Each structure stands twice: as structure tokens, then as C-alpha cells.
Amino acid sequence: MNGKEIFDYYQSAALRNGFGSAEFRYGNLLFEALRIEGEEKIFKMLEEARSSGKRIGLGYSTPPKDTDMEPDLVIMV
């Protein structure tokens, strides 16, 4: 599967499993990652994550000083 297909797979799983499910949370995380880094980078990262058994995660470039700060980095975990 290419990165776009992997992304679409997780988005479909999120819809199938519904609000509150692990698949829904991961689908939303991937959508946020796409917003932060753009399609090209995220699709490539999804391919790398799949081949290495890892997942995409979100992080902070600096430690959050308050609870309103949103993640601004995409990482593999």
C-alpha cells in the first residue's frame, strides 16, 4: 500500500468503528498530522511507519506551558 492508501484505510476504520474508538482517535491524529506537515510528508511517514511496525504520533517542539497549546510536530513512535 502507498501512503495515501494507508491514510484512507485508517480514515475508513475511524468511520466504521465510530466516535471514541481507538481507530477514531488514530484517524483524527493522522488528519491533524496531515494539517501540520502536509500530504507528501505524512504519506511517506505512513509508508515508513508501516514497514517498521511503528505509528505516527504528535509532539511539541517546546514543552507545553499551558494546556491550550496544540502539538506542532509529527513523530514516529
Protein backbone atom coordinates (compact mmCIF):
# COMPACT_ATOMS: atom_id res chain seq x y z
CA MET A 1 0.00 0.00 0.00
CA ASN A 2 1.17 3.51 -0.68
CA GLY A 3 0.87 6.32 1.87
CA LYS A 4 -2.42 7.65 0.52
CA GLU A 5 -3.97 4.19 0.68
CA ILE A 6 -2.74 3.72 4.25
CA PHE A 7 -4.17 7.10 5.25
CA ASP A 8 -7.51 6.26 3.61
CA TYR A 9 -7.54 2.86 5.34
CA TYR A 10 -7.23 4.49 8.77
CA GLN A 11 -9.84 7.11 7.92
CA SER A 12 -12.29 4.37 6.87
CA ALA A 13 -11.54 2.39 10.04
CA ALA A 14 -12.28 5.51 12.10
CA LEU A 15 -15.67 5.89 10.42
CA ARG A 16 -16.52 2.20 10.76
CA ASN A 17 -15.61 1.97 14.45
CA GLY A 18 -17.12 5.27 15.49
CA PHE A 19 -16.58 8.05 17.96
CA GLY A 20 -14.40 7.16 20.96
CA SER A 21 -12.78 4.09 19.43
CA ALA A 22 -9.01 3.69 19.15
CA GLU A 23 -9.39 3.75 15.36
CA PHE A 24 -11.33 7.02 15.55
CA ARG A 25 -8.63 8.61 17.72
CA TYR A 26 -5.83 7.45 15.41
CA GLY A 27 -7.71 8.59 12.31
CA ASN A 28 -8.10 12.03 13.87
CA LEU A 29 -4.43 12.08 14.87
CA LEU A 30 -3.46 11.33 11.26
CA PHE A 31 -5.72 14.08 9.98
CA GLU A 32 -4.07 16.53 12.41
CA ALA A 33 -0.64 15.32 11.29
CA LEU A 34 -1.66 15.97 7.69
CA ARG A 35 -2.67 19.50 8.67
CA ILE A 36 0.69 20.11 10.36
CA GLU A 37 3.07 18.60 7.78
CA GLY A 38 1.14 18.23 4.52
CA GLU A 39 0.24 15.23 2.40
CA GLU A 40 3.61 14.39 0.88
CA LYS A 41 5.47 14.09 4.19
CA ILE A 42 2.68 12.27 6.04
CA PHE A 43 2.10 9.75 3.26
CA LYS A 44 5.83 9.00 3.20
CA MET A 45 5.92 8.71 7.01
CA LEU A 46 2.95 6.31 6.92
CA GLU A 47 4.82 4.07 4.49
CA GLU A 48 7.91 4.12 6.74
CA ALA A 49 5.84 3.52 9.87
CA ARG A 50 4.06 0.57 8.28
CA SER A 51 7.29 -1.07 7.13
CA SER A 52 8.96 -0.61 10.53
CA GLY A 53 5.96 -1.54 12.71
CA LYS A 54 5.67 1.96 14.14
CA ARG A 55 2.87 4.52 14.27
CA ILE A 56 2.57 8.25 13.71
CA GLY A 57 2.39 10.44 16.80
CA LEU A 58 2.19 14.12 17.64
CA GLY A 59 4.62 16.08 19.77
CA TYR A 60 5.73 19.53 20.82
CA SER A 61 8.79 21.44 19.62
CA THR A 62 8.97 23.02 23.07
CA PRO A 63 7.46 21.75 26.33
CA PRO A 64 3.84 22.97 26.59
CA LYS A 65 3.47 25.79 29.10
CA ASP A 66 -0.29 25.53 29.29
CA THR A 67 -2.99 23.04 28.41
CA ASP A 68 -4.19 25.08 25.41
CA MET A 69 -1.02 24.51 23.39
CA GLU A 70 -1.52 22.24 20.39
CA PRO A 71 1.06 19.75 19.10
CA ASP A 72 3.27 21.11 16.33
CA LEU A 73 5.47 18.11 15.43
CA VAL A 74 4.75 14.80 13.77
CA ILE A 75 6.89 11.92 15.00
CA MET A 76 7.06 8.14 14.64
CA VAL A 77 6.60 6.14 17.82
